[in-house]
Each structure stands twice: as C-alpha cells, then as structure tokens.
Amino acid sequence: MNQREFGDYVAAAGATLEGSRFTAYIRVEARSGKGFPVYYAICENRSFRQREPAEAAAARALDAIEALEDDGTPVFPPDYDGFDQGDPDDS
C-alpha cells in the first residue's frame, strides 16, 4: 500500500473487492490516531477485474493529490478528472 504524509494526516492508496470487481480508494487517517479513517472512492467510473490494476490506479490518484483540506479531504489539481488513464486491458 502506498502512502503519503500531509501535516496532521496520512493518505494511503488501496483497493477493495466489491462483489466480483475491485474498487480503487484513498484512505485518509489522522496521524494522532484519533477518529476514524475516511475512505474516498477513486476512479468511480471504472472497476477492475484484478486487484493490481485497481491498486495502481489508486496509487496514481494518491500521487495526484496536491494537498489535504483541514478536515482531510483530498485536493486534486483543477484539471484532474478522476478518470484513471491506465492500461484499458486491465479493466
């Protein structure tokens, strides 16, 4: 699992199985350990048949994060459309 530190938060990329397909996500957790992690679905316009491509898509989204807002919400570049441009054979 890839992760990045942003001030009071740690953001991590991952994938989870939902039914028969994988969904990419970003998990944001307070470094203090207080509160619960928040999960953000990434590339919601895609699902993946295999875990590895979903994890790679989440890692690319994690790399695209510019900052986190005070509440931990990821901030992406203005031109970021959330559509993973990975290998179409991986979907």
Protein backbone atom coordinates (compact mmCIF):
# COMPACT_ATOMS: atom_id res chain seq x y z
CA MET A 1 0.00 0.00 0.00
CA ASN A 2 1.35 3.40 -0.99
CA GLN A 3 1.03 6.29 1.42
CA ARG A 4 1.89 9.96 1.77
CA GLU A 5 2.04 12.24 4.79
CA PHE A 6 0.23 15.57 4.79
CA GLY A 7 0.69 17.53 8.02
CA ASP A 8 -1.76 16.03 10.51
CA TYR A 9 -2.90 13.25 8.14
CA VAL A 10 -1.63 10.19 6.32
CA ALA A 11 -3.24 9.30 2.98
CA ALA A 12 -2.90 5.76 1.65
CA ALA A 13 -3.91 4.14 -1.64
CA GLY A 14 -5.51 0.72 -1.88
CA ALA A 15 -8.16 -1.46 -3.48
CA THR A 16 -11.07 -3.47 -2.14
CA LEU A 17 -13.20 -6.23 -3.57
CA GLU A 18 -16.84 -5.25 -4.07
CA GLY A 19 -18.78 -8.19 -5.42
CA SER A 20 -16.70 -9.58 -8.25
CA ARG A 21 -14.80 -6.37 -9.06
CA PHE A 22 -12.19 -4.21 -7.32
CA THR A 23 -12.59 -0.54 -6.49
CA ALA A 24 -9.66 1.84 -6.01
CA TYR A 25 -9.67 4.07 -2.92
CA ILE A 26 -7.74 6.65 -0.92
CA ARG A 27 -7.84 6.29 2.88
CA VAL A 28 -7.14 9.40 4.97
CA GLU A 29 -6.35 8.96 8.65
CA ALA A 30 -5.36 11.44 11.35
CA ARG A 31 -1.76 10.98 12.46
CA SER A 32 -2.90 11.42 16.06
CA GLY A 33 -4.83 8.16 15.84
CA LYS A 34 -7.99 9.95 16.98
CA GLY A 35 -11.14 9.50 14.97
CA PHE A 36 -11.84 7.06 12.19
CA PRO A 37 -10.21 6.81 8.76
CA VAL A 38 -12.19 8.24 5.85
CA TYR A 39 -12.30 6.36 2.55
CA TYR A 40 -12.67 8.10 -0.83
CA ALA A 41 -13.55 6.03 -3.89
CA ILE A 42 -11.19 6.80 -6.76
CA CYS A 43 -11.88 6.34 -10.48
CA GLU A 44 -15.55 5.69 -9.72
CA ASN A 45 -16.17 5.48 -13.44
CA ARG A 46 -14.11 2.26 -13.52
CA SER A 47 -13.98 -1.03 -11.73
CA PHE A 48 -11.27 -3.60 -12.10
CA ARG A 49 -11.24 -7.36 -12.54
CA GLN A 50 -7.92 -7.71 -10.73
CA ARG A 51 -6.54 -6.13 -7.56
CA GLU A 52 -3.19 -4.98 -9.04
CA PRO A 53 -4.61 -2.57 -11.65
CA ALA A 54 -7.00 -1.13 -9.06
CA GLU A 55 -4.13 -0.57 -6.64
CA ALA A 56 -2.07 1.05 -9.42
CA ALA A 57 -4.98 3.40 -10.24
CA ALA A 58 -5.27 4.35 -6.56
CA ALA A 59 -1.51 4.97 -6.38
CA ARG A 60 -1.69 7.30 -9.40
CA ALA A 61 -4.55 9.20 -7.72
CA LEU A 62 -2.56 9.42 -4.48
CA ASP A 63 0.34 10.92 -6.45
CA ALA A 64 -2.04 13.49 -7.98
CA ILE A 65 -3.18 14.88 -4.61
CA GLU A 66 -1.88 18.41 -4.16
CA ALA A 67 -2.86 18.81 -0.50
CA LEU A 68 -5.45 17.89 2.09
CA GLU A 69 -8.03 20.33 3.41
CA ASP A 70 -8.20 20.94 7.18
CA ASP A 71 -10.69 18.07 7.54
CA GLY A 72 -8.51 15.69 5.48
CA THR A 73 -10.41 15.94 2.20
CA PRO A 74 -8.01 15.42 -0.75
CA VAL A 75 -7.41 18.39 -3.05
CA PHE A 76 -6.69 17.47 -6.67
CA PRO A 77 -5.40 19.73 -9.46
CA PRO A 78 -8.13 21.72 -11.25
CA ASP A 79 -7.69 19.67 -14.43
CA TYR A 80 -7.87 16.29 -12.63
CA ASP A 81 -10.92 14.42 -13.90
CA GLY A 82 -10.67 11.33 -11.70
CA PHE A 83 -10.66 9.02 -14.69
CA ASP A 84 -7.78 6.59 -14.48
CA GLN A 85 -5.85 6.52 -17.74
CA GLY A 86 -4.14 3.20 -17.02
CA ASP A 87 -3.95 0.27 -19.41
CA PRO A 88 -7.50 -0.37 -20.77
CA ASP A 89 -6.76 -4.10 -20.86
CA ASP A 90 -6.59 -4.03 -17.06
CA SER A 91 -10.21 -3.02 -16.53
